[in-house]
Amino acid sequence: MRVDRLLSILLIISNEGTVTGKELAEHFEVSIRTIYRDIDKLCEAGVPIASQGGKKGGFYIMENYNVDNLFFNRNQIQILMPIMNNLSFLFGKNQEYNDIVLKLENAYKNEKVQNDKLSINMSHFSMEDELKEYLYLMNKAIEDSRLMVFNYINRNLDYSERIVEPIQISYSHGQWKLVAFCRKRNDFRKFKLVRIKNMRLGDSFTKKDILNEEIQKIFDDSYDKKSIKVTFKFSNEIGEQLTEYFDKEAIHKRGDGCYIVEGFYPYEEGLFKFILGFGKECEVLEPKYLREETENYLKELLLKYNE
């Protein structure tokens, strides 16, 4: 498991002083590129690992850094434990994760307080029962390099079976998603869990040698291609709430008290639903064709209530 490898790499470098990437790769039976990615992750976590070239070169931990700094104090444990406990459903029966929690609880059993400082609930109201099962299956599929097979309903309400190579479990904006390579579309996709039915494990597969940053760029480029620049006008009544939906930098207050927001959004039906979600407090200013199409969308909606 990668977490174990990262901790082991840190301890090896700390104990040995200087270790080459080749030595680490041979020790863990992974590629040198994987070791480089792991070193980058450790550096991102705040561990000052440097490298030195030459015959006696390799990776080493910079002076004045003590591995003991990795241990947690009382206040940090009070924050960490509720996070670990609330995320336990994500890993389900994963023994390695449960071992981590048990070790923390045992090591810091005297640090517990009566009330946790944090309470976290990342379940979804419409799929309470399926969520734990799906997250467990996805985690297992990623760890064991197993295909995932499921039925999926896309935004156009098209229903189809998908066979995917799972890469990552993502949670953002209140939605759980599976990041995977879809063999049906021959491309990387993000699948919302709420649209997945009958998920099951498939055969083993060979993982693609691609960085998460490269996958994210693919998603970003796809988003940009189907996006248009939209200018919204909001009433003063809703102005203070706009930071719940937009970046602060995109929000501008006019002299008359109204708010103007500009941004890029996918040009699809979901955009109309997003606009209508603000009710009478929102008006589309630009582009003109989107303004006209929003008006037509409203007219079609009203027809259902005039029948």
C-alpha atoms as a PDB file:
ATOM      1  CA  MET A   1       0.000   0.000   0.000  1.00  0.00           C
ATOM      2  CA  ARG A   2       1.433   3.425  -0.874  1.00  0.00           C
ATOM      3  CA  VAL A   3       1.090   4.943   2.627  1.00  0.00           C
ATOM      4  CA  ASP A   4       3.198   2.115   4.037  1.00  0.00           C
ATOM      5  CA  ARG A   5       5.808   2.624   1.324  1.00  0.00           C
ATOM      6  CA  LEU A   6       6.033   6.376   1.967  1.00  0.00           C
ATOM      7  CA  LEU A   7       6.588   5.844   5.684  1.00  0.00           C
ATOM      8  CA  SER A   8       9.123   3.095   4.975  1.00  0.00           C
ATOM      9  CA  ILE A   9      11.029   5.303   2.525  1.00  0.00           C
ATOM     10  CA  LEU A  10      11.201   8.045   5.130  1.00  0.00           C
ATOM     11  CA  LEU A  11      12.507   5.681   7.791  1.00  0.00           C
ATOM     12  CA  ILE A  12      15.080   4.116   5.436  1.00  0.00           C
ATOM     13  CA  ILE A  13      16.483   7.488   4.388  1.00  0.00           C
ATOM     14  CA  SER A  14      16.481   8.642   8.010  1.00  0.00           C
ATOM     15  CA  ASN A  15      18.382   5.550   9.143  1.00  0.00           C
ATOM     16  CA  GLU A  16      20.784   5.214   6.199  1.00  0.00           C
ATOM     17  CA  GLY A  17      21.600   8.877   5.723  1.00  0.00           C
ATOM     18  CA  THR A  18      21.798   8.754   1.909  1.00  0.00           C
ATOM     19  CA  VAL A  19      19.962   6.293  -0.346  1.00  0.00           C
ATOM     20  CA  THR A  20      19.798   6.173  -4.141  1.00  0.00           C
ATOM     21  CA  GLY A  21      16.566   5.960  -6.102  1.00  0.00           C
ATOM     22  CA  LYS A  22      17.748   2.663  -7.598  1.00  0.00           C
ATOM     23  CA  GLU A  23      18.266   1.149  -4.141  1.00  0.00           C
ATOM     24  CA  LEU A  24      14.792   2.218  -3.031  1.00  0.00           C
ATOM     25  CA  ALA A  25      13.229   0.913  -6.258  1.00  0.00           C
ATOM     26  CA  GLU A  26      14.905  -2.473  -5.832  1.00  0.00           C
ATOM     27  CA  HIS A  27      13.938  -2.641  -2.155  1.00  0.00           C
ATOM     28  CA  PHE A  28      10.231  -2.026  -2.848  1.00  0.00           C
ATOM     29  CA  GLU A  29      10.198  -3.743  -6.255  1.00  0.00           C
ATOM     30  CA  VAL A  30       8.777  -0.703  -8.048  1.00  0.00           C
ATOM     31  CA  SER A  31      10.041   1.558 -10.828  1.00  0.00           C
ATOM     32  CA  ILE A  32      12.434   4.443 -10.184  1.00  0.00           C
ATOM     33  CA  ARG A  33       9.729   6.750 -11.529  1.00  0.00           C
ATOM     34  CA  THR A  34       7.407   5.531  -8.769  1.00  0.00           C
ATOM     35  CA  ILE A  35      10.095   6.274  -6.175  1.00  0.00           C
ATOM     36  CA  TYR A  36      10.504   9.798  -7.575  1.00  0.00           C
ATOM     37  CA  ARG A  37       6.741  10.337  -7.244  1.00  0.00           C
ATOM     38  CA  ASP A  38       6.860   9.064  -3.661  1.00  0.00           C
ATOM     39  CA  ILE A  39       9.722  11.421  -2.824  1.00  0.00           C
ATOM     40  CA  ASP A  40       7.709  14.303  -4.294  1.00  0.00           C
ATOM     41  CA  LYS A  41       4.748  13.339  -2.100  1.00  0.00           C
ATOM     42  CA  LEU A  42       6.935  13.318   1.003  1.00  0.00           C
ATOM     43  CA  CYS A  43       8.302  16.741   0.104  1.00  0.00           C
ATOM     44  CA  GLU A  44       4.751  18.052  -0.401  1.00  0.00           C
ATOM     45  CA  ALA A  45       3.954  16.753   3.092  1.00  0.00           C
ATOM     46  CA  GLY A  46       6.717  18.952   4.501  1.00  0.00           C
ATOM     47  CA  VAL A  47       9.596  16.467   4.759  1.00  0.00           C
ATOM     48  CA  PRO A  48      12.767  18.277   3.514  1.00  0.00           C
ATOM     49  CA  ILE A  49      14.279  15.563   1.319  1.00  0.00           C
ATOM     50  CA  ALA A  50      17.098  16.693  -0.965  1.00  0.00           C
ATOM     51  CA  SER A  51      19.200  14.868  -3.550  1.00  0.00           C
ATOM     52  CA  GLN A  52      22.884  14.868  -4.360  1.00  0.00           C
ATOM     53  CA  GLY A  53      24.527  13.669  -7.549  1.00  0.00           C
ATOM     54  CA  GLY A  54      27.751  11.760  -7.961  1.00  0.00           C
ATOM     55  CA  LYS A  55      29.118   8.395  -6.942  1.00  0.00           C
ATOM     56  CA  LYS A  56      28.089   8.746  -3.294  1.00  0.00           C
ATOM     57  CA  GLY A  57      24.958  10.694  -4.047  1.00  0.00           C
ATOM     58  CA  GLY A  58      21.308   9.929  -3.456  1.00  0.00           C
ATOM     59  CA  PHE A  59      18.373  11.150  -1.407  1.00  0.00           C
ATOM     60  CA  TYR A  60      18.933  12.470   2.102  1.00  0.00           C
ATOM     61  CA  ILE A  61      16.994  14.365   4.763  1.00  0.00           C
ATOM     62  CA  MET A  62      18.230  17.916   5.279  1.00  0.00           C
ATOM     63  CA  GLU A  63      19.818  18.924   8.566  1.00  0.00           C
ATOM     64  CA  ASN A  64      17.802  20.146  11.562  1.00  0.00           C
ATOM     65  CA  TYR A  65      14.839  17.944  10.647  1.00  0.00           C
ATOM     66  CA  ASN A  66      13.904  15.326  13.188  1.00  0.00           C
ATOM     67  CA  VAL A  67      11.724  12.376  12.231  1.00  0.00           C
ATOM     68  CA  ASP A  68      10.233  12.683  15.708  1.00  0.00           C
ATOM     69  CA  ASN A  69       8.370  15.692  14.332  1.00  0.00           C
ATOM     70  CA  LEU A  70       6.086  13.185  12.630  1.00  0.00           C
ATOM     71  CA  PHE A  71       4.502  12.265  15.961  1.00  0.00           C
ATOM     72  CA  PHE A  72       1.403  14.135  17.025  1.00  0.00           C
ATOM     73  CA  ASN A  73       0.715  16.236  20.062  1.00  0.00           C
ATOM     74  CA  ARG A  74      -2.486  16.145  22.109  1.00  0.00           C
ATOM     75  CA  ASN A  75      -4.334  18.829  20.102  1.00  0.00           C
ATOM     76  CA  GLN A  76      -3.395  17.221  16.782  1.00  0.00           C
ATOM     77  CA  ILE A  77      -4.679  13.836  17.926  1.00  0.00           C
ATOM     78  CA  GLN A  78      -7.987  15.403  18.984  1.00  0.00           C
ATOM     79  CA  ILE A  79      -8.383  16.591  15.392  1.00  0.00           C
ATOM     80  CA  LEU A  80      -6.984  13.492  13.691  1.00  0.00           C
ATOM     81  CA  MET A  81      -8.967  10.772  15.463  1.00  0.00           C
ATOM     82  CA  PRO A  82     -12.495  11.955  14.515  1.00  0.00           C
ATOM     83  CA  ILE A  83     -11.305  12.315  10.919  1.00  0.00           C
ATOM     84  CA  MET A  84      -9.936   8.766  10.914  1.00  0.00           C
ATOM     85  CA  ASN A  85     -13.039   7.354  12.592  1.00  0.00           C
ATOM     86  CA  ASN A  86     -15.442   9.113  10.238  1.00  0.00           C
ATOM     87  CA  LEU A  87     -13.494   7.983   7.196  1.00  0.00           C
ATOM     88  CA  SER A  88     -13.505   4.348   8.286  1.00  0.00           C
ATOM     89  CA  PHE A  89     -16.527   3.592   6.076  1.00  0.00           C
ATOM     90  CA  LEU A  90     -14.447   4.604   3.053  1.00  0.00           C
ATOM     91  CA  PHE A  91     -12.082   1.687   3.616  1.00  0.00           C
ATOM     92  CA  GLY A  92     -14.656  -0.740   4.958  1.00  0.00           C
ATOM     93  CA  LYS A  93     -12.913  -3.997   5.816  1.00  0.00           C
ATOM     94  CA  ASN A  94      -9.478  -2.783   4.718  1.00  0.00           C
ATOM     95  CA  GLN A  95      -7.260  -4.335   7.378  1.00  0.00           C
ATOM     96  CA  GLU A  96      -4.309  -1.999   6.848  1.00  0.00           C
ATOM     97  CA  TYR A  97      -6.401   1.117   7.420  1.00  0.00           C
ATOM     98  CA  ASN A  98      -8.076  -0.387  10.468  1.00  0.00           C
ATOM     99  CA  ASP A  99      -4.650  -1.290  11.849  1.00  0.00           C
ATOM    100  CA  ILE A 100      -3.574   2.350  11.527  1.00  0.00           C
ATOM    101  CA  VAL A 101      -6.633   3.484  13.485  1.00  0.00           C
ATOM    102  CA  LEU A 102      -6.071   0.852  16.180  1.00  0.00           C
ATOM    103  CA  LYS A 103      -2.406   1.820  16.542  1.00  0.00           C
ATOM    104  CA  LEU A 104      -3.304   5.491  16.909  1.00  0.00           C
ATOM    105  CA  GLU A 105      -6.011   4.718  19.426  1.00  0.00           C
ATOM    106  CA  ASN A 106      -3.683   2.488  21.408  1.00  0.00           C
ATOM    107  CA  ALA A 107      -0.713   4.848  21.288  1.00  0.00           C
ATOM    108  CA  TYR A 108      -2.777   7.869  22.281  1.00  0.00           C
ATOM    109  CA  LYS A 109      -5.476   6.272  24.413  1.00  0.00           C
ATOM    110  CA  ASN A 110      -4.621   8.632  27.249  1.00  0.00           C
ATOM    111  CA  GLU A 111      -5.070  11.637  24.969  1.00  0.00           C
ATOM    112  CA  LYS A 112      -8.760  11.091  24.259  1.00  0.00           C
ATOM    113  CA  VAL A 113     -11.275  13.698  25.308  1.00  0.00           C
ATOM    114  CA  GLN A 114     -14.945  13.320  26.033  1.00  0.00           C
ATOM    115  CA  ASN A 115     -16.108  15.301  22.993  1.00  0.00           C
ATOM    116  CA  ASP A 116     -14.482  15.413  19.560  1.00  0.00           C
ATOM    117  CA  LYS A 117     -13.668  18.808  18.131  1.00  0.00           C
ATOM    118  CA  LEU A 118     -14.824  17.705  14.684  1.00  0.00           C
ATOM    119  CA  SER A 119     -17.823  15.871  13.317  1.00  0.00           C
ATOM    120  CA  ILE A 120     -17.653  14.728   9.699  1.00  0.00           C
ATOM    121  CA  ASN A 121     -20.377  13.109   7.628  1.00  0.00           C
ATOM    122  CA  MET A 122     -19.656  12.519   3.945  1.00  0.00           C
ATOM    123  CA  SER A 123     -22.494  10.115   3.266  1.00  0.00           C
ATOM    124  CA  HIS A 124     -25.103  10.851   0.600  1.00  0.00           C
ATOM    125  CA  PHE A 125     -28.766  11.130   1.546  1.00  0.00           C
ATOM    126  CA  SER A 126     -29.990   9.137  -1.470  1.00  0.00           C
ATOM    127  CA  MET A 127     -27.626   6.180  -1.193  1.00  0.00           C
ATOM    128  CA  GLU A 128     -26.898   5.542   2.465  1.00  0.00           C
ATOM    129  CA  ASP A 129     -26.906   1.756   2.059  1.00  0.00           C
ATOM    130  CA  GLU A 130     -24.923   1.546  -1.192  1.00  0.00           C
ATOM    131  CA  LEU A 131     -22.240   4.088  -0.313  1.00  0.00           C
ATOM    132  CA  LYS A 132     -20.252   1.943   2.101  1.00  0.00           C
ATOM    133  CA  GLU A 133     -20.392  -1.072  -0.231  1.00  0.00           C
ATOM    134  CA  TYR A 134     -19.395   0.946  -3.311  1.00  0.00           C
ATOM    135  CA  LEU A 135     -16.515   2.692  -1.550  1.00  0.00           C
ATOM    136  CA  TYR A 136     -15.219  -0.624  -0.279  1.00  0.00           C
ATOM    137  CA  LEU A 137     -15.394  -2.181  -3.775  1.00  0.00           C
ATOM    138  CA  MET A 138     -13.681   0.791  -5.392  1.00  0.00           C
ATOM    139  CA  ASN A 139     -10.915   0.836  -2.807  1.00  0.00           C
ATOM    140  CA  LYS A 140     -10.336  -2.890  -3.276  1.00  0.00           C
ATOM    141  CA  ALA A 141     -10.380  -2.575  -7.074  1.00  0.00           C
ATOM    142  CA  ILE A 142      -7.758   0.195  -6.982  1.00  0.00           C
ATOM    143  CA  GLU A 143      -5.532  -1.699  -4.562  1.00  0.00           C
ATOM    144  CA  ASP A 144      -5.766  -5.009  -6.442  1.00  0.00           C
ATOM    145  CA  SER A 145      -5.809  -3.552 -10.000  1.00  0.00           C
ATOM    146  CA  ARG A 146      -9.226  -5.019 -10.760  1.00  0.00           C
ATOM    147  CA  LEU A 147     -11.636  -3.768 -13.397  1.00  0.00           C
ATOM    148  CA  MET A 148     -14.993  -2.402 -12.267  1.00  0.00           C
ATOM    149  CA  VAL A 149     -18.229  -3.209 -14.069  1.00  0.00           C
ATOM    150  CA  PHE A 150     -21.439  -1.272 -13.494  1.00  0.00           C
ATOM    151  CA  ASN A 151     -24.488   0.268 -15.136  1.00  0.00           C
ATOM    152  CA  TYR A 152     -24.314   4.038 -15.528  1.00  0.00           C
ATOM    153  CA  ILE A 153     -26.835   6.773 -16.314  1.00  0.00           C
ATOM    154  CA  ASN A 154     -25.191   9.889 -17.762  1.00  0.00           C
ATOM    155  CA  ARG A 155     -26.470  13.460 -17.739  1.00  0.00           C
ATOM    156  CA  ASN A 156     -28.429  12.778 -20.953  1.00  0.00           C
ATOM    157  CA  LEU A 157     -30.221   9.897 -19.215  1.00  0.00           C
ATOM    158  CA  ASP A 158     -28.485   7.355 -21.472  1.00  0.00           C
ATOM    159  CA  TYR A 159     -28.201   4.001 -19.706  1.00  0.00           C
ATOM    160  CA  SER A 160     -25.261   1.715 -20.481  1.00  0.00           C
ATOM    161  CA  GLU A 161     -22.899  -0.847 -18.998  1.00  0.00           C
ATOM    162  CA  ARG A 162     -19.394   0.432 -18.348  1.00  0.00           C
ATOM    163  CA  ILE A 163     -16.158  -1.471 -17.845  1.00  0.00           C
ATOM    164  CA  VAL A 164     -13.564   0.833 -16.316  1.00  0.00           C
ATOM    165  CA  GLU A 165     -10.022   0.824 -14.954  1.00  0.00           C
ATOM    166  CA  PRO A 166     -10.335   2.549 -11.545  1.00  0.00           C
ATOM    167  CA  ILE A 167      -7.739   5.146 -10.624  1.00  0.00           C
ATOM    168  CA  GLN A 168      -8.966   7.264  -7.759  1.00  0.00           C
ATOM    169  CA  ILE A 169     -11.892   7.886  -5.397  1.00  0.00           C
ATOM    170  CA  SER A 170     -12.821  11.559  -5.386  1.00  0.00           C
ATOM    171  CA  TYR A 171     -15.053  13.626  -3.105  1.00  0.00           C
ATOM    172  CA  SER A 172     -15.799  17.225  -4.049  1.00  0.00           C
ATOM    173  CA  HIS A 173     -18.722  19.626  -3.823  1.00  0.00           C
ATOM    174  CA  GLY A 174     -20.705  17.097  -1.815  1.00  0.00           C
ATOM    175  CA  GLN A 175     -20.389  14.359  -4.473  1.00  0.00           C
ATOM    176  CA  TRP A 176     -18.520  11.046  -4.434  1.00  0.00           C
ATOM    177  CA  LYS A 177     -16.966  10.177  -7.781  1.00  0.00           C
ATOM    178  CA  LEU A 178     -14.892   7.384  -9.311  1.00  0.00           C
ATOM    179  CA  VAL A 179     -12.023   8.562 -11.515  1.00  0.00           C
ATOM    180  CA  ALA A 180     -11.330   5.853 -14.082  1.00  0.00           C
ATOM    181  CA  PHE A 181     -10.400   5.009 -17.648  1.00  0.00           C
ATOM    182  CA  CYS A 182     -13.605   4.017 -19.447  1.00  0.00           C
ATOM    183  CA  ARG A 183     -13.078   1.269 -22.022  1.00  0.00           C
ATOM    184  CA  LYS A 184     -16.400   2.072 -23.698  1.00  0.00           C
ATOM    185  CA  ARG A 185     -15.465   5.726 -24.299  1.00  0.00           C
ATOM    186  CA  ASN A 186     -11.722   5.022 -24.575  1.00  0.00           C
ATOM    187  CA  ASP A 187     -11.036   8.018 -22.366  1.00  0.00           C
ATOM    188  CA  PHE A 188     -10.708   9.105 -18.749  1.00  0.00           C
ATOM    189  CA  ARG A 189     -13.991   9.848 -16.988  1.00  0.00           C
ATOM    190  CA  LYS A 190     -15.410  10.845 -13.612  1.00  0.00           C
ATOM    191  CA  PHE A 191     -18.426   8.748 -12.630  1.00  0.00           C
ATOM    192  CA  LYS A 192     -20.821  10.037  -9.983  1.00  0.00           C
ATOM    193  CA  LEU A 193     -21.656   7.319  -7.510  1.00  0.00           C
ATOM    194  CA  VAL A 194     -25.307   8.373  -7.383  1.00  0.00           C
ATOM    195  CA  ARG A 195     -25.611   7.416 -11.072  1.00  0.00           C
ATOM    196  CA  ILE A 196     -24.007   3.976 -10.661  1.00  0.00           C
ATOM    197  CA  LYS A 197     -26.025   0.781 -10.290  1.00  0.00           C
ATOM    198  CA  ASN A 198     -25.015  -2.870  -9.851  1.00  0.00           C
ATOM    199  CA  MET A 199     -21.322  -2.230  -9.230  1.00  0.00           C
ATOM    200  CA  ARG A 200     -19.094  -5.324  -9.170  1.00  0.00           C
ATOM    201  CA  LEU A 201     -15.443  -6.302  -9.503  1.00  0.00           C
ATOM    202  CA  GLY A 202     -14.054  -7.525 -12.818  1.00  0.00           C
ATOM    203  CA  ASP A 203     -10.824  -9.107 -14.039  1.00  0.00           C
ATOM    204  CA  SER A 204      -7.303  -7.937 -13.253  1.00  0.00           C
ATOM    205  CA  PHE A 205      -5.694  -5.328 -15.517  1.00  0.00           C
ATOM    206  CA  THR A 206      -2.355  -3.579 -15.966  1.00  0.00           C
ATOM    207  CA  LYS A 207      -2.400  -0.012 -14.680  1.00  0.00           C
ATOM    208  CA  LYS A 208      -1.582   2.816 -17.073  1.00  0.00           C
ATOM    209  CA  ASP A 209       1.646   4.667 -16.374  1.00  0.00           C
ATOM    210  CA  ILE A 210       0.187   8.148 -16.067  1.00  0.00           C
ATOM    211  CA  LEU A 211       0.387  10.777 -13.325  1.00  0.00           C
ATOM    212  CA  ASN A 212      -2.691  12.164 -11.583  1.00  0.00           C
ATOM    213  CA  GLU A 213      -1.598  15.624 -12.740  1.00  0.00           C
ATOM    214  CA  GLU A 214      -1.753  14.454 -16.356  1.00  0.00           C
ATOM    215  CA  ILE A 215      -5.228  12.996 -15.847  1.00  0.00           C
ATOM    216  CA  GLN A 216      -6.417  16.232 -14.248  1.00  0.00           C
ATOM    217  CA  LYS A 217      -5.103  18.209 -17.222  1.00  0.00           C
ATOM    218  CA  ILE A 218      -7.174  15.968 -19.522  1.00  0.00           C
ATOM    219  CA  PHE A 219     -10.274  16.797 -17.471  1.00  0.00           C
ATOM    220  CA  ASP A 220      -9.423  20.509 -17.397  1.00  0.00           C
ATOM    221  CA  ASP A 221      -8.918  20.641 -21.169  1.00  0.00           C
ATOM    222  CA  SER A 222     -12.228  18.837 -21.738  1.00  0.00           C
ATOM    223  CA  TYR A 223     -13.992  21.283 -19.409  1.00  0.00           C
ATOM    224  CA  ASP A 224     -12.493  24.274 -21.224  1.00  0.00           C
ATOM    225  CA  LYS A 225     -13.545  22.966 -24.649  1.00  0.00           C
ATOM    226  CA  LYS A 226     -17.226  22.761 -23.762  1.00  0.00           C
ATOM    227  CA  SER A 227     -17.338  25.897 -21.610  1.00  0.00           C
ATOM    228  CA  ILE A 228     -18.598  29.367 -22.465  1.00  0.00           C
ATOM    229  CA  LYS A 229     -18.103  32.671 -20.681  1.00  0.00           C
ATOM    230  CA  VAL A 230     -21.259  33.720 -18.840  1.00  0.00           C
ATOM    231  CA  THR A 231     -22.125  36.998 -17.134  1.00  0.00           C
ATOM    232  CA  PHE A 232     -24.741  36.878 -14.370  1.00  0.00           C
ATOM    233  CA  LYS A 233     -26.548  39.687 -12.586  1.00  0.00           C
ATOM    234  CA  PHE A 234     -27.742  39.033  -9.023  1.00  0.00           C
ATOM    235  CA  SER A 235     -29.982  41.067  -6.778  1.00  0.00           C
ATOM    236  CA  ASN A 236     -28.708  42.680  -3.605  1.00  0.00           C
ATOM    237  CA  GLU A 237     -30.801  40.249  -1.513  1.00  0.00           C
ATOM    238  CA  ILE A 238     -28.703  37.233  -2.473  1.00  0.00           C
ATOM    239  CA  GLY A 239     -25.396  39.044  -2.817  1.00  0.00           C
ATOM    240  CA  GLU A 240     -23.908  37.990   0.509  1.00  0.00           C
ATOM    241  CA  GLN A 241     -24.574  34.319  -0.279  1.00  0.00           C
ATOM    242  CA  LEU A 242     -22.799  34.248  -3.651  1.00  0.00           C
ATOM    243  CA  THR A 243     -19.501  33.085  -2.134  1.00  0.00           C
ATOM    244  CA  GLU A 244     -21.233  29.732  -1.541  1.00  0.00           C
ATOM    245  CA  TYR A 245     -21.371  29.224  -5.322  1.00  0.00           C
ATOM    246  CA  PHE A 246     -18.639  31.390  -6.901  1.00  0.00           C
ATOM    247  CA  ASP A 247     -15.029  32.411  -6.303  1.00  0.00           C
ATOM    248  CA  LYS A 248     -14.737  35.716  -4.464  1.00  0.00           C
ATOM    249  CA  GLU A 249     -12.592  37.124  -7.270  1.00  0.00           C
ATOM    250  CA  ALA A 250     -15.448  36.604  -9.770  1.00  0.00           C
ATOM    251  CA  ILE A 251     -17.993  38.601  -7.733  1.00  0.00           C
ATOM    252  CA  HIS A 252     -18.274  42.378  -8.219  1.00  0.00           C
ATOM    253  CA  LYS A 253     -20.759  44.718  -6.573  1.00  0.00           C
ATOM    254  CA  ARG A 254     -22.153  47.569  -8.671  1.00  0.00           C
ATOM    255  CA  GLY A 255     -23.024  51.018  -7.488  1.00  0.00           C
ATOM    256  CA  ASP A 256     -26.750  50.214  -7.657  1.00  0.00           C
ATOM    257  CA  GLY A 257     -26.329  47.355  -5.166  1.00  0.00           C
ATOM    258  CA  CYS A 258     -26.547  44.533  -7.704  1.00  0.00           C
ATOM    259  CA  TYR A 259     -23.812  41.932  -8.130  1.00  0.00           C
ATOM    260  CA  ILE A 260     -22.102  40.906 -11.369  1.00  0.00           C
ATOM    261  CA  VAL A 261     -20.453  37.495 -11.681  1.00  0.00           C
ATOM    262  CA  GLU A 262     -18.406  36.278 -14.660  1.00  0.00           C
ATOM    263  CA  GLY A 263     -17.125  32.777 -15.219  1.00  0.00           C
ATOM    264  CA  PHE A 264     -16.792  29.822 -17.592  1.00  0.00           C
ATOM    265  CA  TYR A 265     -19.389  27.031 -17.449  1.00  0.00           C
ATOM    266  CA  PRO A 266     -20.146  23.906 -19.531  1.00  0.00           C
ATOM    267  CA  TYR A 267     -22.712  24.700 -22.205  1.00  0.00           C
ATOM    268  CA  GLU A 268     -25.275  21.985 -21.432  1.00  0.00           C
ATOM    269  CA  GLU A 269     -28.671  21.521 -19.821  1.00  0.00           C
ATOM    270  CA  GLY A 270     -27.104  21.446 -16.387  1.00  0.00           C
ATOM    271  CA  LEU A 271     -26.271  25.138 -16.835  1.00  0.00           C
ATOM    272  CA  PHE A 272     -29.955  26.030 -17.158  1.00  0.00           C
ATOM    273  CA  LYS A 273     -30.766  24.084 -14.001  1.00  0.00           C
ATOM    274  CA  PHE A 274     -27.949  25.893 -12.201  1.00  0.00           C
ATOM    275  CA  ILE A 275     -29.306  29.278 -13.311  1.00  0.00           C
ATOM    276  CA  LEU A 276     -32.888  28.457 -12.335  1.00  0.00           C
ATOM    277  CA  GLY A 277     -31.673  27.331  -8.933  1.00  0.00           C
ATOM    278  CA  PHE A 278     -31.242  31.003  -8.008  1.00  0.00           C
ATOM    279  CA  GLY A 279     -34.883  31.785  -8.859  1.00  0.00           C
ATOM    280  CA  LYS A 280     -35.791  35.410  -9.473  1.00  0.00           C
ATOM    281  CA  GLU A 281     -32.551  36.647  -7.920  1.00  0.00           C
ATOM    282  CA  CYS A 282     -30.498  35.769 -11.029  1.00  0.00           C
ATOM    283  CA  GLU A 283     -30.474  37.178 -14.564  1.00  0.00           C
ATOM    284  CA  VAL A 284     -28.289  36.113 -17.492  1.00  0.00           C
ATOM    285  CA  LEU A 285     -26.714  39.124 -19.194  1.00  0.00           C
ATOM    286  CA  GLU A 286     -24.252  37.522 -21.605  1.00  0.00           C
ATOM    287  CA  PRO A 287     -24.022  35.798 -24.009  1.00  0.00           C
ATOM    288  CA  LYS A 288     -27.250  36.874 -25.666  1.00  0.00           C
ATOM    289  CA  TYR A 289     -28.005  33.413 -27.054  1.00  0.00           C
ATOM    290  CA  LEU A 290     -27.824  31.892 -23.581  1.00  0.00           C
ATOM    291  CA  ARG A 291     -30.173  34.582 -22.303  1.00  0.00           C
ATOM    292  CA  GLU A 292     -32.659  33.745 -25.079  1.00  0.00           C
ATOM    293  CA  GLU A 293     -32.330  30.002 -24.528  1.00  0.00           C
ATOM    294  CA  THR A 294     -32.903  30.460 -20.791  1.00  0.00           C
ATOM    295  CA  GLU A 295     -36.082  32.361 -21.594  1.00  0.00           C
ATOM    296  CA  ASN A 296     -37.255  29.556 -23.912  1.00  0.00           C
ATOM    297  CA  TYR A 297     -36.386  26.984 -21.259  1.00  0.00           C
ATOM    298  CA  LEU A 298     -38.603  28.853 -18.801  1.00  0.00           C
ATOM    299  CA  LYS A 299     -41.448  29.006 -21.311  1.00  0.00           C
ATOM    300  CA  GLU A 300     -41.299  25.241 -21.827  1.00  0.00           C
ATOM    301  CA  LEU A 301     -41.309  24.788 -18.086  1.00  0.00           C
ATOM    302  CA  LEU A 302     -44.365  27.009 -17.678  1.00  0.00           C
ATOM    303  CA  LEU A 303     -46.254  25.002 -20.304  1.00  0.00           C
ATOM    304  CA  LYS A 304     -46.286  22.039 -17.930  1.00  0.00           C
ATOM    305  CA  TYR A 305     -48.161  24.144 -15.387  1.00  0.00           C
ATOM    306  CA  ASN A 306     -50.594  25.633 -17.898  1.00  0.00           C
ATOM    307  CA  GLU A 307     -51.841  22.338 -19.266  1.00  0.00           C
END
